[in-house]
Protein backbone atom coordinates (compact mmCIF):
# COMPACT_ATOMS: atom_id res chain seq x y z
CA MET A 1 148.14 105.20 190.84
CA ARG A 2 151.06 102.59 189.83
CA ARG A 3 148.26 100.28 191.32
CA VAL A 4 145.92 101.17 188.82
CA HIS A 5 148.18 101.26 186.24
CA ASN A 6 149.35 97.62 186.76
CA SER A 7 145.80 96.52 187.34
CA ILE A 8 144.78 98.07 183.91
CA ARG A 9 147.83 96.48 182.49
CA LYS A 10 147.25 92.71 183.36
CA THR A 11 143.69 93.25 182.37
CA ILE A 12 144.82 94.07 178.76
CA PHE A 13 147.32 91.31 178.77
CA ALA A 14 144.91 88.58 180.06
CA GLY A 15 142.79 89.74 177.13
CA LEU A 16 145.22 90.01 174.32
CA ASP A 17 147.37 86.59 175.40
CA ILE A 18 144.27 84.54 175.03
CA PHE A 19 144.92 85.29 171.27
CA TYR A 20 148.48 85.01 170.83
CA PRO A 21 148.77 81.50 170.42
CA LEU A 22 146.97 82.08 167.09
CA PHE A 23 149.71 84.54 166.03
CA LYS A 24 152.63 82.84 167.93
CA ARG A 25 154.14 81.23 164.52
CA PHE A 26 154.05 84.64 162.72
CA MET A 27 155.19 87.20 165.28
CA PRO A 28 156.97 87.88 168.46
CA ILE A 29 154.82 88.72 171.45
CA GLN A 30 155.77 92.62 171.64
CA THR A 31 154.58 93.05 167.65
CA TYR A 32 151.26 90.86 168.55
CA HIS A 33 151.04 93.36 171.47
CA TYR A 34 151.60 96.49 169.10
CA ALA A 35 148.99 95.39 166.62
CA ALA A 36 146.63 94.19 168.86
CA CYS A 37 146.74 97.68 170.70
CA GLY A 38 147.49 99.73 167.81
CA GLY A 39 144.74 97.88 165.92
CA GLY A 40 142.22 98.27 168.70
CA ASN A 41 142.97 102.15 169.03
CA THR A 42 143.10 102.59 165.11
CA LEU A 43 139.43 100.82 164.96
CA PHE A 44 138.32 103.05 167.55
CA ASN A 45 139.71 106.23 165.54
CA ILE A 46 138.23 104.96 162.53
CA PHE A 47 134.91 104.62 164.22
CA LEU A 48 134.96 108.19 165.80
CA TYR A 49 135.81 109.16 162.44
CA HIS A 50 132.93 108.16 160.85
CA ILE A 51 131.02 109.21 163.89
CA PHE A 52 132.38 112.83 163.47
CA TYR A 53 132.28 112.83 159.52
CA ASN A 54 128.53 111.54 159.19
CA PHE A 55 126.87 112.87 162.22
CA VAL A 56 128.57 115.27 164.08
CA LEU A 57 129.99 117.31 161.09
CA GLN A 58 127.26 116.09 158.85
CA LYS A 59 129.49 115.99 155.88
CA GLN A 60 129.79 119.95 156.24
CA VAL A 61 132.88 122.24 155.93
CA LEU A 62 133.89 123.17 159.98
CA HIS A 63 134.29 126.66 160.01
CA LEU A 64 136.00 128.25 162.74
CA GLU A 65 136.85 131.96 163.28
CA PHE A 66 140.22 131.99 161.23
CA ILE A 67 140.20 128.92 159.25
CA ALA A 68 138.02 126.50 157.69
CA PHE A 69 138.23 122.49 157.51
CA LYS A 70 137.01 120.23 154.97
CA PRO A 71 134.91 117.83 156.63
CA HIS A 72 137.31 114.34 156.09
CA ILE A 73 140.30 116.49 157.79
CA ALA A 74 138.12 117.94 160.55
CA ALA A 75 136.78 114.45 161.48
CA PHE A 76 140.05 113.21 161.11
CA LEU A 77 141.75 115.87 163.94
CA MET A 78 138.89 115.14 166.01
CA ALA A 79 139.45 111.71 166.26
CA PHE A 80 143.08 112.14 166.67
CA ILE A 81 142.60 114.03 169.77
CA ILE A 82 140.92 111.28 171.49
CA THR A 83 142.99 108.39 170.40
CA PHE A 84 146.38 110.13 170.71
CA PRO A 85 146.42 109.90 174.62
CA ILE A 86 145.15 106.49 174.54
CA GLY A 87 147.71 105.23 171.92
CA PHE A 88 150.46 106.97 174.29
CA TYR A 89 149.25 105.10 177.29
CA LEU A 90 149.01 101.88 175.29
CA SER A 91 152.57 101.95 173.74
CA MET A 92 154.14 103.21 177.03
CA TYR A 93 152.42 100.65 179.74
CA VAL A 94 151.78 97.68 177.60
CA VAL A 95 153.69 97.29 174.21
CA PHE A 96 157.13 98.89 174.89
CA GLN A 97 157.46 98.41 178.80
CA GLY A 98 161.19 98.72 179.84
CA SER A 99 162.35 101.86 178.26
CA TYR A 100 165.24 103.02 179.65
CA LEU A 101 163.97 106.92 178.73
CA ARG A 102 161.90 108.97 180.99
CA ARG A 103 158.32 109.53 180.66
CA ARG A 104 158.45 112.79 179.36
CA VAL A 105 161.21 112.37 176.70
CA GLN A 106 158.95 109.18 175.61
CA PHE A 107 155.95 111.33 175.34
CA VAL A 108 157.84 114.17 173.35
CA ARG A 109 159.22 111.51 171.23
CA TYR A 110 155.83 109.62 170.69
CA PHE A 111 154.22 113.28 170.06
CA MET A 112 156.87 114.01 167.48
CA VAL A 113 156.39 110.52 165.46
CA ALA A 114 152.59 111.37 165.97
CA MET A 115 152.98 114.62 164.51
CA PHE A 116 154.72 113.20 161.28
CA CYS A 117 151.86 110.68 161.15
CA VAL A 118 149.35 113.32 161.51
CA ALA A 119 151.18 115.26 158.43
CA LEU A 120 151.53 111.81 156.52
CA ASN A 121 147.85 110.92 157.25
CA TYR A 122 146.65 114.35 156.09
CA LEU A 123 148.56 114.14 152.89
CA LEU A 124 147.47 110.61 152.20
CA LEU A 125 143.64 111.22 152.97
CA LYS A 126 144.01 114.47 150.52
CA PHE A 127 145.64 112.11 148.01
CA PHE A 128 143.05 109.51 148.17
CA ILE A 129 140.10 111.61 148.48
CA GLU A 130 141.24 114.79 146.56
CA GLY A 131 143.81 113.12 144.20
CA LEU A 132 142.06 109.80 143.45
CA GLY A 133 138.79 111.07 143.49
CA TRP A 134 137.49 108.78 146.63
CA HIS A 135 134.91 111.45 147.71
CA ASP A 136 132.42 108.84 147.99
CA HIS A 137 134.52 106.75 150.37
CA PRO A 138 135.97 108.71 152.99
CA THR A 139 135.94 106.19 155.64
CA LEU A 140 137.68 103.59 152.78
CA SER A 141 140.51 106.41 152.48
CA LEU A 142 141.11 106.24 156.09
CA ILE A 143 141.57 102.89 156.35
CA ALA A 144 143.99 102.44 153.43
CA THR A 145 145.89 105.66 155.04
CA ALA A 146 146.00 103.73 158.11
CA VAL A 147 147.69 100.88 157.11
CA ILE A 148 150.90 102.93 155.58
CA VAL A 149 151.15 104.90 158.87
CA VAL A 150 150.68 101.95 161.25
CA LEU A 151 153.69 100.20 159.67
CA PHE A 152 155.57 103.68 159.84
CA SER A 153 154.47 104.03 163.43
CA TYR A 154 155.58 100.78 164.82
CA VAL A 155 159.07 101.03 163.44
CA SER A 156 159.38 104.49 164.72
CA GLN A 157 158.13 103.76 167.92
CA LYS A 158 159.93 100.78 168.51
CA LYS A 159 163.26 102.30 167.55
CA PHE A 160 162.90 105.91 168.67
CA SER A 161 160.18 106.58 171.04
CA PHE A 162 160.45 103.87 173.82
CA ARG A 163 163.62 102.28 172.56
CA ILE A 164 165.16 99.81 175.14
CA ASP A 165 168.73 99.46 174.17
CA LYS A 166 170.95 102.46 174.95
CA PRO A 167 172.97 103.70 171.96
CA ASP A 168 176.62 102.78 172.00
CA ARG A 169 178.51 105.61 172.85
CA PRO A 170 182.18 106.05 171.40
CA GLN A 171 184.52 105.46 173.92
CA LYS A 172 187.00 108.52 174.89
CA LYS A 173 190.41 107.55 173.40
CA GLU A 174 193.27 108.19 175.92
CA ALA A 175 195.88 110.35 174.79
CA SER A 176 198.77 108.78 173.70
CA ALA A 177 202.22 108.89 175.43
CA LEU A 178 204.65 111.01 173.06
């Protein structure tokens, strides 16, 4: 399994690093990898959202047995179910390598940040579509939301979910002799 992960990671790096010289002056390589992987996953999410909203849900409310979802929220959740594991994989194996945290801790933290991002996405989508009246532009609303959420997500994932440096622990004070 490790061979498969290394092979996939090398293939992704080979594709990404071709274009890094264009961005080298503007950002470090880890930020570039996050932007490229996260950007690709975000574009995939937007594509899925568009497909689910327009063709699967056909802009209709999704009625489940105990709850109903407006089409823009249902499409967002459907796309999230697909892109969440892809984002975790890319973050863990490509962007934030070398974390001292165990994988399950990384996953739980990534999930916590993702859930906060889901809530933020939900609130921002409601704001843009229902608050600002962008009913005719749900995909544009998702793009505006994505810009805000991606900035928050990068900082959170780097500093919390996949942190590399162990936090300094206070030294135990030795008992002073009386």
